[in-house]
Amino acid sequence: MTILSTRRGMLGIAASATLATPALAAYPTQPIRIVVPWNPGGPADIVIRALAPAMAPALGQPVVIENRAGANGAVGTQAVARASPDGHTLILANAETHAINPLIYPRLPYDAVADFRPISLIVHAPCVLLVRPEFGVNNVEEFVAKVHGQPGGFTYATWGIGSTSHLAMEALSRQAKLQMLHIPFTGGAPASTALVSGQVDAAFLNAGPAEALARDGKVKILAVGGPQRLPLLPDVPTLAERSLPVNAATWFGLLGPAKMPEDAVGRVASAVVEGLKSPAVQELFRAQAVITDARGPEAMRVFIAEDVASRTDLVRGLDIRLE
């Protein structure tokens, strides 16, 4: 045997050993951190804090939550785009971070497609149209008629310029030819507070928190901004039933940095599916009026692309540009 053939054999053995023992064979090797790019206490935070402990047994590691709010979700999302792609830092993305922000920020500090690896959708979170009780309307038809009667004389709250709640009201206003004054806030909670206190007249807000406020008589829910009625609000019609189809829903799902390994993606996606089987998670999601949809990586990629396409004309028509 020649020296050359011996060296080739040794190199082949070394290469085989490397392939047989990949760096992430034991993934995860430490707690998994999920960044929520929103303030604590909102729907995104509630959803993932319920699901995280139910995912942990399937992963063999704790799942910890870190809130990093700012810039319509861009601050926390950018942090994950720049994180190590070893699968231990993930983002709880939604419509704002990965469908709307790319349309409204000319200099967004991340590429919503190139910088991320889809893992799994988790839920859809429909919003509802609601008004303060003193507004004096009982349904969508009365709402439209009242706003028509005083163009520009009424206000609506959102959780930010370019947010799902903002685009939902703008879409409704376009279809129903309404003129209202937009009052943006820094989150769903302050927007709700403004409505309850009478500072504003109307809002699109997440259905679960809105139902709790309506039950206490603090707001009146007029319609669901989604394709179907909600089990939590079976008697509330959809806007589509009133011939005003509006995409007034966000979604939540997990993505990792672009180079996150395939085996890590699969482990987390499987953990989402297992976590969603938890009765405690199912009960909380029902109370929050969110709809589970655990689509895997490729289906999630297609879904996000479709969501971007569905919002593009509205955003361009509004000419929203944020720095």
C-alpha atoms as a PDB file:
ATOM      1  CA  MET A   1       0.000   0.000   0.000  1.00  0.00           C
ATOM      2  CA  THR A   2       1.371   3.379  -0.940  1.00  0.00           C
ATOM      3  CA  ILE A   3       1.634   6.354   1.360  1.00  0.00           C
ATOM      4  CA  LEU A   4      -0.803   8.234  -0.913  1.00  0.00           C
ATOM      5  CA  SER A   5      -3.509   5.564  -0.684  1.00  0.00           C
ATOM      6  CA  THR A   6      -3.086   5.393   3.090  1.00  0.00           C
ATOM      7  CA  ARG A   7      -3.521   9.127   3.396  1.00  0.00           C
ATOM      8  CA  ARG A   8      -6.611   8.980   1.175  1.00  0.00           C
ATOM      9  CA  GLY A   9      -8.063   6.279   3.373  1.00  0.00           C
ATOM     10  CA  MET A  10      -7.445   8.263   6.535  1.00  0.00           C
ATOM     11  CA  LEU A  11      -9.075  11.333   4.975  1.00  0.00           C
ATOM     12  CA  GLY A  12     -12.057   9.239   3.950  1.00  0.00           C
ATOM     13  CA  ILE A  13     -12.467   7.881   7.480  1.00  0.00           C
ATOM     14  CA  ALA A  14     -12.230  11.388   8.931  1.00  0.00           C
ATOM     15  CA  ALA A  15     -14.827  12.683   6.481  1.00  0.00           C
ATOM     16  CA  SER A  16     -17.171   9.803   7.270  1.00  0.00           C
ATOM     17  CA  ALA A  17     -16.796  10.412  10.989  1.00  0.00           C
ATOM     18  CA  THR A  18     -17.598  14.082  10.513  1.00  0.00           C
ATOM     19  CA  LEU A  19     -20.748  13.251   8.555  1.00  0.00           C
ATOM     20  CA  ALA A  20     -21.800  10.663  11.088  1.00  0.00           C
ATOM     21  CA  THR A  21     -21.571  13.039  14.038  1.00  0.00           C
ATOM     22  CA  PRO A  22     -23.060  16.409  12.992  1.00  0.00           C
ATOM     23  CA  ALA A  23     -22.694  19.332  15.353  1.00  0.00           C
ATOM     24  CA  LEU A  24     -26.422  19.446  16.057  1.00  0.00           C
ATOM     25  CA  ALA A  25     -26.961  15.720  16.607  1.00  0.00           C
ATOM     26  CA  ALA A  26     -28.064  16.433  20.183  1.00  0.00           C
ATOM     27  CA  TYR A  27     -30.133  19.520  19.369  1.00  0.00           C
ATOM     28  CA  PRO A  28     -31.209  21.305  21.431  1.00  0.00           C
ATOM     29  CA  THR A  29     -28.230  21.499  23.756  1.00  0.00           C
ATOM     30  CA  GLN A  30     -29.506  24.482  25.795  1.00  0.00           C
ATOM     31  CA  PRO A  31     -32.754  26.341  26.487  1.00  0.00           C
ATOM     32  CA  ILE A  32     -34.500  27.660  23.396  1.00  0.00           C
ATOM     33  CA  ARG A  33     -35.180  31.399  23.422  1.00  0.00           C
ATOM     34  CA  ILE A  34     -38.226  32.728  21.579  1.00  0.00           C
ATOM     35  CA  VAL A  35     -38.169  36.468  20.997  1.00  0.00           C
ATOM     36  CA  VAL A  36     -41.581  38.159  21.075  1.00  0.00           C
ATOM     37  CA  PRO A  37     -41.212  41.500  19.272  1.00  0.00           C
ATOM     38  CA  TRP A  38     -44.112  43.026  21.206  1.00  0.00           C
ATOM     39  CA  ASN A  39     -44.854  44.235  24.717  1.00  0.00           C
ATOM     40  CA  PRO A  40     -45.688  41.723  27.478  1.00  0.00           C
ATOM     41  CA  GLY A  41     -49.355  40.947  28.030  1.00  0.00           C
ATOM     42  CA  GLY A  42     -50.539  41.216  24.423  1.00  0.00           C
ATOM     43  CA  PRO A  43     -52.048  38.371  22.362  1.00  0.00           C
ATOM     44  CA  ALA A  44     -48.674  37.310  20.932  1.00  0.00           C
ATOM     45  CA  ASP A  45     -47.174  37.106  24.400  1.00  0.00           C
ATOM     46  CA  ILE A  46     -50.162  35.209  25.806  1.00  0.00           C
ATOM     47  CA  VAL A  47     -50.163  32.671  22.969  1.00  0.00           C
ATOM     48  CA  ILE A  48     -46.486  31.773  23.139  1.00  0.00           C
ATOM     49  CA  ARG A  49     -46.270  31.781  26.933  1.00  0.00           C
ATOM     50  CA  ALA A  50     -49.040  29.189  26.962  1.00  0.00           C
ATOM     51  CA  LEU A  51     -47.481  27.073  24.238  1.00  0.00           C
ATOM     52  CA  ALA A  52     -43.816  27.244  25.309  1.00  0.00           C
ATOM     53  CA  PRO A  53     -44.028  24.960  28.374  1.00  0.00           C
ATOM     54  CA  ALA A  54     -46.118  22.497  26.387  1.00  0.00           C
ATOM     55  CA  MET A  55     -43.363  22.338  23.740  1.00  0.00           C
ATOM     56  CA  ALA A  56     -40.572  21.755  26.236  1.00  0.00           C
ATOM     57  CA  PRO A  57     -41.096  17.998  26.824  1.00  0.00           C
ATOM     58  CA  ALA A  58     -40.765  17.265  23.101  1.00  0.00           C
ATOM     59  CA  LEU A  59     -37.548  19.295  22.952  1.00  0.00           C
ATOM     60  CA  GLY A  60     -35.956  18.138  26.189  1.00  0.00           C
ATOM     61  CA  GLN A  61     -35.062  21.728  27.056  1.00  0.00           C
ATOM     62  CA  PRO A  62     -36.906  24.698  28.586  1.00  0.00           C
ATOM     63  CA  VAL A  63     -38.394  27.250  26.202  1.00  0.00           C
ATOM     64  CA  VAL A  64     -37.924  30.809  27.469  1.00  0.00           C
ATOM     65  CA  ILE A  65     -39.617  33.976  26.235  1.00  0.00           C
ATOM     66  CA  GLU A  66     -37.948  37.343  25.722  1.00  0.00           C
ATOM     67  CA  ASN A  67     -39.957  40.473  24.861  1.00  0.00           C
ATOM     68  CA  ARG A  68     -38.148  42.937  22.584  1.00  0.00           C
ATOM     69  CA  ALA A  69     -40.690  45.473  21.359  1.00  0.00           C
ATOM     70  CA  GLY A  70     -40.279  48.419  19.024  1.00  0.00           C
ATOM     71  CA  ALA A  71     -40.788  49.665  15.449  1.00  0.00           C
ATOM     72  CA  ASN A  72     -43.883  47.564  14.698  1.00  0.00           C
ATOM     73  CA  GLY A  73     -41.986  44.415  15.697  1.00  0.00           C
ATOM     74  CA  ALA A  74     -38.842  45.224  13.693  1.00  0.00           C
ATOM     75  CA  VAL A  75     -36.504  45.548  16.695  1.00  0.00           C
ATOM     76  CA  GLY A  76     -36.914  42.020  17.996  1.00  0.00           C
ATOM     77  CA  THR A  77     -37.155  40.550  14.516  1.00  0.00           C
ATOM     78  CA  GLN A  78     -33.842  42.105  13.480  1.00  0.00           C
ATOM     79  CA  ALA A  79     -32.187  40.665  16.587  1.00  0.00           C
ATOM     80  CA  VAL A  80     -33.185  37.135  15.591  1.00  0.00           C
ATOM     81  CA  ALA A  81     -32.097  37.663  11.977  1.00  0.00           C
ATOM     82  CA  ARG A  82     -28.607  38.385  13.318  1.00  0.00           C
ATOM     83  CA  ALA A  83     -28.583  35.611  15.926  1.00  0.00           C
ATOM     84  CA  SER A  84     -26.591  32.403  15.683  1.00  0.00           C
ATOM     85  CA  PRO A  85     -28.424  30.004  13.339  1.00  0.00           C
ATOM     86  CA  ASP A  86     -27.962  27.069  15.700  1.00  0.00           C
ATOM     87  CA  GLY A  87     -31.690  26.830  16.387  1.00  0.00           C
ATOM     88  CA  HIS A  88     -31.595  28.149  19.950  1.00  0.00           C
ATOM     89  CA  THR A  89     -32.951  31.636  19.120  1.00  0.00           C
ATOM     90  CA  LEU A  90     -36.290  31.942  17.306  1.00  0.00           C
ATOM     91  CA  ILE A  91     -38.773  34.694  16.505  1.00  0.00           C
ATOM     92  CA  LEU A  92     -42.512  34.650  17.136  1.00  0.00           C
ATOM     93  CA  ALA A  93     -43.407  36.321  13.848  1.00  0.00           C
ATOM     94  CA  ASN A  94     -46.753  37.702  12.733  1.00  0.00           C
ATOM     95  CA  ALA A  95     -48.356  39.622   9.882  1.00  0.00           C
ATOM     96  CA  GLU A  96     -46.649  42.858  10.912  1.00  0.00           C
ATOM     97  CA  THR A  97     -43.096  41.492  11.075  1.00  0.00           C
ATOM     98  CA  HIS A  98     -43.134  39.420   7.896  1.00  0.00           C
ATOM     99  CA  ALA A  99     -45.952  40.651   5.640  1.00  0.00           C
ATOM    100  CA  ILE A 100     -46.601  44.329   6.437  1.00  0.00           C
ATOM    101  CA  ASN A 101     -43.214  45.711   7.558  1.00  0.00           C
ATOM    102  CA  PRO A 102     -41.536  44.816   4.243  1.00  0.00           C
ATOM    103  CA  LEU A 103     -44.198  46.938   2.524  1.00  0.00           C
ATOM    104  CA  ILE A 104     -44.004  50.026   4.754  1.00  0.00           C
ATOM    105  CA  TYR A 105     -40.333  50.308   5.759  1.00  0.00           C
ATOM    106  CA  PRO A 106     -38.110  51.321   2.810  1.00  0.00           C
ATOM    107  CA  ARG A 107     -35.032  50.557   4.928  1.00  0.00           C
ATOM    108  CA  LEU A 108     -36.211  47.616   6.992  1.00  0.00           C
ATOM    109  CA  PRO A 109     -33.182  46.273   8.937  1.00  0.00           C
ATOM    110  CA  TYR A 110     -33.878  42.680   7.915  1.00  0.00           C
ATOM    111  CA  ASP A 111     -35.005  40.774   4.831  1.00  0.00           C
ATOM    112  CA  ALA A 112     -38.229  39.010   5.779  1.00  0.00           C
ATOM    113  CA  VAL A 113     -37.553  36.225   3.271  1.00  0.00           C
ATOM    114  CA  ALA A 114     -33.789  35.839   2.929  1.00  0.00           C
ATOM    115  CA  ASP A 115     -32.923  36.246   6.627  1.00  0.00           C
ATOM    116  CA  PHE A 116     -35.320  33.635   8.039  1.00  0.00           C
ATOM    117  CA  ARG A 117     -36.174  29.951   7.955  1.00  0.00           C
ATOM    118  CA  PRO A 118     -39.905  29.207   8.392  1.00  0.00           C
ATOM    119  CA  ILE A 119     -40.618  26.564  11.019  1.00  0.00           C
ATOM    120  CA  SER A 120     -44.337  26.439  11.790  1.00  0.00           C
ATOM    121  CA  LEU A 121     -47.448  28.528  11.872  1.00  0.00           C
ATOM    122  CA  ILE A 122     -49.211  28.376  15.222  1.00  0.00           C
ATOM    123  CA  VAL A 123     -52.499  30.306  15.137  1.00  0.00           C
ATOM    124  CA  HIS A 124     -54.599  32.855  13.318  1.00  0.00           C
ATOM    125  CA  ALA A 125     -55.859  35.710  15.499  1.00  0.00           C
ATOM    126  CA  PRO A 126     -58.962  37.444  14.084  1.00  0.00           C
ATOM    127  CA  CYS A 127     -59.823  40.976  15.084  1.00  0.00           C
ATOM    128  CA  VAL A 128     -63.296  42.343  15.703  1.00  0.00           C
ATOM    129  CA  LEU A 129     -64.809  45.745  15.014  1.00  0.00           C
ATOM    130  CA  LEU A 130     -65.904  47.346  18.269  1.00  0.00           C
ATOM    131  CA  VAL A 131     -67.156  50.688  19.516  1.00  0.00           C
ATOM    132  CA  ARG A 132     -67.603  52.373  22.869  1.00  0.00           C
ATOM    133  CA  PRO A 133     -71.144  51.681  24.173  1.00  0.00           C
ATOM    134  CA  GLU A 134     -72.017  55.383  24.157  1.00  0.00           C
ATOM    135  CA  PHE A 135     -71.424  55.534  20.407  1.00  0.00           C
ATOM    136  CA  GLY A 136     -75.039  54.507  20.009  1.00  0.00           C
ATOM    137  CA  VAL A 137     -74.955  51.844  17.281  1.00  0.00           C
ATOM    138  CA  ASN A 138     -75.838  48.154  17.417  1.00  0.00           C
ATOM    139  CA  ASN A 139     -74.579  46.736  14.124  1.00  0.00           C
ATOM    140  CA  VAL A 140     -72.332  47.413  11.152  1.00  0.00           C
ATOM    141  CA  GLU A 141     -75.080  49.053   9.115  1.00  0.00           C
ATOM    142  CA  GLU A 142     -75.766  51.598  11.853  1.00  0.00           C
ATOM    143  CA  PHE A 143     -72.043  52.194  12.292  1.00  0.00           C
ATOM    144  CA  VAL A 144     -71.551  52.925   8.599  1.00  0.00           C
ATOM    145  CA  ALA A 145     -74.583  55.217   8.501  1.00  0.00           C
ATOM    146  CA  LYS A 146     -73.430  57.202  11.544  1.00  0.00           C
ATOM    147  CA  VAL A 147     -69.895  57.697  10.247  1.00  0.00           C
ATOM    148  CA  HIS A 148     -71.259  58.683   6.836  1.00  0.00           C
ATOM    149  CA  GLY A 149     -73.350  61.324   8.537  1.00  0.00           C
ATOM    150  CA  GLN A 150     -70.318  63.087   9.999  1.00  0.00           C
ATOM    151  CA  PRO A 151     -67.259  62.559   7.740  1.00  0.00           C
ATOM    152  CA  GLY A 152     -64.035  62.968   9.706  1.00  0.00           C
ATOM    153  CA  GLY A 153     -65.939  63.513  12.925  1.00  0.00           C
ATOM    154  CA  PHE A 154     -65.122  60.201  14.605  1.00  0.00           C
ATOM    155  CA  THR A 155     -61.899  58.526  15.717  1.00  0.00           C
ATOM    156  CA  TYR A 156     -60.489  55.028  15.804  1.00  0.00           C
ATOM    157  CA  ALA A 157     -57.610  53.516  17.748  1.00  0.00           C
ATOM    158  CA  THR A 158     -54.983  51.056  16.521  1.00  0.00           C
ATOM    159  CA  TRP A 159     -51.858  49.476  17.962  1.00  0.00           C
ATOM    160  CA  GLY A 160     -49.691  51.390  15.485  1.00  0.00           C
ATOM    161  CA  ILE A 161     -49.335  52.844  12.011  1.00  0.00           C
ATOM    162  CA  GLY A 162     -49.196  50.004   9.500  1.00  0.00           C
ATOM    163  CA  SER A 163     -50.436  47.471  12.046  1.00  0.00           C
ATOM    164  CA  THR A 164     -53.073  44.838  11.322  1.00  0.00           C
ATOM    165  CA  SER A 165     -55.613  46.918  13.238  1.00  0.00           C
ATOM    166  CA  HIS A 166     -54.777  50.010  11.173  1.00  0.00           C
ATOM    167  CA  LEU A 167     -54.969  48.247   7.816  1.00  0.00           C
ATOM    168  CA  ALA A 168     -58.236  46.560   8.804  1.00  0.00           C
ATOM    169  CA  MET A 169     -59.977  49.888   9.505  1.00  0.00           C
ATOM    170  CA  GLU A 170     -58.522  51.428   6.366  1.00  0.00           C
ATOM    171  CA  ALA A 171     -59.786  48.496   4.312  1.00  0.00           C
ATOM    172  CA  LEU A 172     -63.252  48.859   5.839  1.00  0.00           C
ATOM    173  CA  SER A 173     -63.181  52.607   5.264  1.00  0.00           C
ATOM    174  CA  ARG A 174     -62.323  52.108   1.612  1.00  0.00           C
ATOM    175  CA  GLN A 175     -65.088  49.596   1.023  1.00  0.00           C
ATOM    176  CA  ALA A 176     -67.749  51.513   2.952  1.00  0.00           C
ATOM    177  CA  LYS A 177     -66.436  54.972   1.925  1.00  0.00           C
ATOM    178  CA  LEU A 178     -65.849  56.135   5.497  1.00  0.00           C
ATOM    179  CA  GLN A 179     -63.739  59.024   6.763  1.00  0.00           C
ATOM    180  CA  MET A 180     -62.378  58.648  10.306  1.00  0.00           C
ATOM    181  CA  LEU A 181     -59.410  60.066  12.217  1.00  0.00           C
ATOM    182  CA  HIS A 182     -56.690  57.530  13.040  1.00  0.00           C
ATOM    183  CA  ILE A 183     -55.250  57.630  16.581  1.00  0.00           C
ATOM    184  CA  PRO A 184     -52.291  55.200  16.786  1.00  0.00           C
ATOM    185  CA  PHE A 185     -51.075  53.771  20.088  1.00  0.00           C
ATOM    186  CA  THR A 186     -48.071  51.644  21.022  1.00  0.00           C
ATOM    187  CA  GLY A 187     -49.962  48.395  21.543  1.00  0.00           C
ATOM    188  CA  GLY A 188     -53.316  46.677  21.817  1.00  0.00           C
ATOM    189  CA  ALA A 189     -53.617  47.326  25.556  1.00  0.00           C
ATOM    190  CA  PRO A 190     -53.354  51.146  25.366  1.00  0.00           C
ATOM    191  CA  ALA A 191     -55.646  51.151  22.319  1.00  0.00           C
ATOM    192  CA  SER A 192     -58.224  49.185  24.316  1.00  0.00           C
ATOM    193  CA  THR A 193     -57.854  51.562  27.257  1.00  0.00           C
ATOM    194  CA  ALA A 194     -58.450  54.545  24.984  1.00  0.00           C
ATOM    195  CA  LEU A 195     -61.641  52.982  23.643  1.00  0.00           C
ATOM    196  CA  VAL A 196     -62.974  51.972  27.062  1.00  0.00           C
ATOM    197  CA  SER A 197     -62.260  55.429  28.486  1.00  0.00           C
ATOM    198  CA  GLY A 198     -64.034  57.152  25.608  1.00  0.00           C
ATOM    199  CA  GLN A 199     -60.958  58.804  24.114  1.00  0.00           C
ATOM    200  CA  VAL A 200     -61.776  57.200  20.751  1.00  0.00           C
ATOM    201  CA  ASP A 201     -64.945  55.892  19.144  1.00  0.00           C
ATOM    202  CA  ALA A 202     -63.993  52.608  17.492  1.00  0.00           C
ATOM    203  CA  ALA A 203     -61.237  50.079  16.872  1.00  0.00           C
ATOM    204  CA  PHE A 204     -60.306  46.736  15.396  1.00  0.00           C
ATOM    205  CA  LEU A 205     -58.831  44.717  18.266  1.00  0.00           C
ATOM    206  CA  ASN A 206     -58.082  41.063  18.914  1.00  0.00           C
ATOM    207  CA  ALA A 207     -61.226  39.057  19.495  1.00  0.00           C
ATOM    208  CA  GLY A 208     -60.312  37.395  22.812  1.00  0.00           C
ATOM    209  CA  PRO A 209     -59.549  40.554  24.814  1.00  0.00           C
ATOM    210  CA  ALA A 210     -62.448  42.332  23.083  1.00  0.00           C
ATOM    211  CA  GLU A 211     -64.888  39.608  24.175  1.00  0.00           C
ATOM    212  CA  ALA A 212     -63.835  40.053  27.800  1.00  0.00           C
ATOM    213  CA  LEU A 213     -64.404  43.816  27.575  1.00  0.00           C
ATOM    214  CA  ALA A 214     -67.792  43.314  25.910  1.00  0.00           C
ATOM    215  CA  ARG A 215     -68.848  40.839  28.591  1.00  0.00           C
ATOM    216  CA  ASP A 216     -68.237  43.552  31.175  1.00  0.00           C
ATOM    217  CA  GLY A 217     -70.205  46.082  29.129  1.00  0.00           C
ATOM    218  CA  LYS A 218     -67.155  48.233  28.410  1.00  0.00           C
ATOM    219  CA  VAL A 219     -67.359  47.944  24.590  1.00  0.00           C
ATOM    220  CA  LYS A 220     -69.809  46.733  21.977  1.00  0.00           C
ATOM    221  CA  ILE A 221     -68.676  44.230  19.330  1.00  0.00           C
ATOM    222  CA  LEU A 222     -70.232  44.781  15.903  1.00  0.00           C
ATOM    223  CA  ALA A 223     -68.551  42.252  13.613  1.00  0.00           C
ATOM    224  CA  VAL A 224     -65.762  39.715  13.166  1.00  0.00           C
ATOM    225  CA  GLY A 225     -63.082  40.692  10.664  1.00  0.00           C
ATOM    226  CA  GLY A 226     -62.407  37.187   9.417  1.00  0.00           C
ATOM    227  CA  PRO A 227     -63.862  34.637   6.993  1.00  0.00           C
ATOM    228  CA  GLN A 228     -66.014  32.852   9.581  1.00  0.00           C
ATOM    229  CA  ARG A 229     -67.786  33.359  12.880  1.00  0.00           C
ATOM    230  CA  LEU A 230     -65.879  32.535  16.029  1.00  0.00           C
ATOM    231  CA  PRO A 231     -66.892  29.866  18.571  1.00  0.00           C
ATOM    232  CA  LEU A 232     -66.273  32.424  21.319  1.00  0.00           C
ATOM    233  CA  LEU A 233     -68.669  34.885  19.608  1.00  0.00           C
ATOM    234  CA  PRO A 234     -71.200  32.694  17.789  1.00  0.00           C
ATOM    235  CA  ASP A 235     -73.840  35.439  17.523  1.00  0.00           C
ATOM    236  CA  VAL A 236     -71.513  38.081  16.088  1.00  0.00           C
ATOM    237  CA  PRO A 237     -71.645  38.223  12.266  1.00  0.00           C
ATOM    238  CA  THR A 238     -68.615  38.557  10.060  1.00  0.00           C
ATOM    239  CA  LEU A 239     -68.023  41.651   7.955  1.00  0.00           C
ATOM    240  CA  ALA A 240     -68.176  39.361   4.933  1.00  0.00           C
ATOM    241  CA  GLU A 241     -71.773  38.556   5.847  1.00  0.00           C
ATOM    242  CA  ARG A 242     -72.433  42.285   5.512  1.00  0.00           C
ATOM    243  CA  SER A 243     -70.763  42.338   2.073  1.00  0.00           C
ATOM    244  CA  LEU A 244     -67.675  44.030   3.511  1.00  0.00           C
ATOM    245  CA  PRO A 245     -64.931  41.368   3.363  1.00  0.00           C
ATOM    246  CA  VAL A 246     -61.940  42.695   5.293  1.00  0.00           C
ATOM    247  CA  ASN A 247     -58.696  40.919   6.234  1.00  0.00           C
ATOM    248  CA  ALA A 248     -58.724  41.888   9.903  1.00  0.00           C
ATOM    249  CA  ALA A 249     -56.591  39.114  11.283  1.00  0.00           C
ATOM    250  CA  THR A 250     -52.997  38.508  12.149  1.00  0.00           C
ATOM    251  CA  TRP A 251     -51.183  35.210  12.603  1.00  0.00           C
ATOM    252  CA  PHE A 252     -48.398  33.951  14.825  1.00  0.00           C
ATOM    253  CA  GLY A 253     -45.698  31.479  13.894  1.00  0.00           C
ATOM    254  CA  LEU A 254     -42.096  30.537  14.547  1.00  0.00           C
ATOM    255  CA  LEU A 255     -39.125  31.260  12.315  1.00  0.00           C
ATOM    256  CA  GLY A 256     -35.400  30.907  12.884  1.00  0.00           C
ATOM    257  CA  PRO A 257     -32.331  32.519  11.305  1.00  0.00           C
ATOM    258  CA  ALA A 258     -31.854  31.647   7.632  1.00  0.00           C
ATOM    259  CA  LYS A 259     -29.171  28.989   8.112  1.00  0.00           C
ATOM    260  CA  MET A 260     -30.938  27.105  10.892  1.00  0.00           C
ATOM    261  CA  PRO A 261     -30.264  23.380  10.228  1.00  0.00           C
ATOM    262  CA  GLU A 262     -33.001  21.145   8.837  1.00  0.00           C
ATOM    263  CA  ASP A 263     -32.996  18.790  11.821  1.00  0.00           C
ATOM    264  CA  ALA A 264     -33.496  21.674  14.243  1.00  0.00           C
ATOM    265  CA  VAL A 265     -36.356  23.036  12.137  1.00  0.00           C
ATOM    266  CA  GLY A 266     -38.009  19.629  12.205  1.00  0.00           C
ATOM    267  CA  ARG A 267     -37.607  19.219  15.971  1.00  0.00           C
ATOM    268  CA  VAL A 268     -39.211  22.586  16.708  1.00  0.00           C
ATOM    269  CA  ALA A 269     -42.032  22.073  14.201  1.00  0.00           C
ATOM    270  CA  SER A 270     -42.820  18.710  15.791  1.00  0.00           C
ATOM    271  CA  ALA A 271     -42.742  20.293  19.246  1.00  0.00           C
ATOM    272  CA  VAL A 272     -45.330  22.862  18.128  1.00  0.00           C
ATOM    273  CA  VAL A 273     -47.647  20.067  16.998  1.00  0.00           C
ATOM    274  CA  GLU A 274     -47.189  18.234  20.305  1.00  0.00           C
ATOM    275  CA  GLY A 275     -47.669  21.409  22.337  1.00  0.00           C
ATOM    276  CA  LEU A 276     -50.935  22.215  20.593  1.00  0.00           C
ATOM    277  CA  LYS A 277     -52.352  18.910  21.837  1.00  0.00           C
ATOM    278  CA  SER A 278     -52.250  20.167  25.418  1.00  0.00           C
ATOM    279  CA  PRO A 279     -55.784  20.617  26.868  1.00  0.00           C
ATOM    280  CA  ALA A 280     -54.582  23.671  28.793  1.00  0.00           C
ATOM    281  CA  VAL A 281     -53.253  25.257  25.601  1.00  0.00           C
ATOM    282  CA  GLN A 282     -56.461  24.456  23.721  1.00  0.00           C
ATOM    283  CA  GLU A 283     -58.590  26.008  26.450  1.00  0.00           C
ATOM    284  CA  LEU A 284     -56.537  29.196  26.574  1.00  0.00           C
ATOM    285  CA  PHE A 285     -56.567  29.504  22.793  1.00  0.00           C
ATOM    286  CA  ARG A 286     -60.346  29.127  22.808  1.00  0.00           C
ATOM    287  CA  ALA A 287     -60.628  31.919  25.373  1.00  0.00           C
ATOM    288  CA  GLN A 288     -58.333  34.086  23.253  1.00  0.00           C
ATOM    289  CA  ALA A 289     -60.391  33.318  20.122  1.00  0.00           C
ATOM    290  CA  VAL A 290     -57.318  32.191  18.187  1.00  0.00           C
ATOM    291  CA  ILE A 291     -57.507  29.401  15.617  1.00  0.00           C
ATOM    292  CA  THR A 292     -54.752  26.787  15.520  1.00  0.00           C
ATOM    293  CA  ASP A 293     -53.001  26.134  12.214  1.00  0.00           C
ATOM    294  CA  ALA A 294     -49.746  24.199  12.612  1.00  0.00           C
ATOM    295  CA  ARG A 295     -48.534  24.333   9.005  1.00  0.00           C
ATOM    296  CA  GLY A 296     -44.975  23.161   8.532  1.00  0.00           C
ATOM    297  CA  PRO A 297     -41.980  25.002   7.052  1.00  0.00           C
ATOM    298  CA  GLU A 298     -42.767  24.979   3.331  1.00  0.00           C
ATOM    299  CA  ALA A 299     -46.496  25.546   3.776  1.00  0.00           C
ATOM    300  CA  MET A 300     -45.678  28.449   6.073  1.00  0.00           C
ATOM    301  CA  ARG A 301     -43.362  29.949   3.476  1.00  0.00           C
ATOM    302  CA  VAL A 302     -46.165  29.861   0.887  1.00  0.00           C
ATOM    303  CA  PHE A 303     -48.672  31.274   3.368  1.00  0.00           C
ATOM    304  CA  ILE A 304     -46.476  34.283   4.184  1.00  0.00           C
ATOM    305  CA  ALA A 305     -45.948  35.029   0.491  1.00  0.00           C
ATOM    306  CA  GLU A 306     -49.712  34.940  -0.050  1.00  0.00           C
ATOM    307  CA  ASP A 307     -50.272  37.222   2.940  1.00  0.00           C
ATOM    308  CA  VAL A 308     -47.830  39.778   1.525  1.00  0.00           C
ATOM    309  CA  ALA A 309     -49.603  39.668  -1.831  1.00  0.00           C
ATOM    310  CA  SER A 310     -53.031  40.124  -0.236  1.00  0.00           C
ATOM    311  CA  ARG A 311     -51.949  43.314   1.564  1.00  0.00           C
ATOM    312  CA  THR A 312     -49.797  44.952  -1.102  1.00  0.00           C
ATOM    313  CA  ASP A 313     -52.470  46.923  -2.989  1.00  0.00           C
ATOM    314  CA  LEU A 314     -53.947  48.406   0.207  1.00  0.00           C
ATOM    315  CA  VAL A 315     -50.585  49.447   1.641  1.00  0.00           C
ATOM    316  CA  ARG A 316     -49.450  50.973  -1.635  1.00  0.00           C
ATOM    317  CA  GLY A 317     -52.747  52.809  -1.959  1.00  0.00           C
ATOM    318  CA  LEU A 318     -52.327  54.293   1.504  1.00  0.00           C
ATOM    319  CA  ASP A 319     -48.701  55.217   0.678  1.00  0.00           C
ATOM    320  CA  ILE A 320     -47.478  54.305   4.174  1.00  0.00           C
ATOM    321  CA  ARG A 321     -43.721  54.871   4.548  1.00  0.00           C
ATOM    322  CA  LEU A 322     -42.024  54.594   7.909  1.00  0.00           C
ATOM    323  CA  GLU A 323     -38.383  55.138   8.812  1.00  0.00           C
END
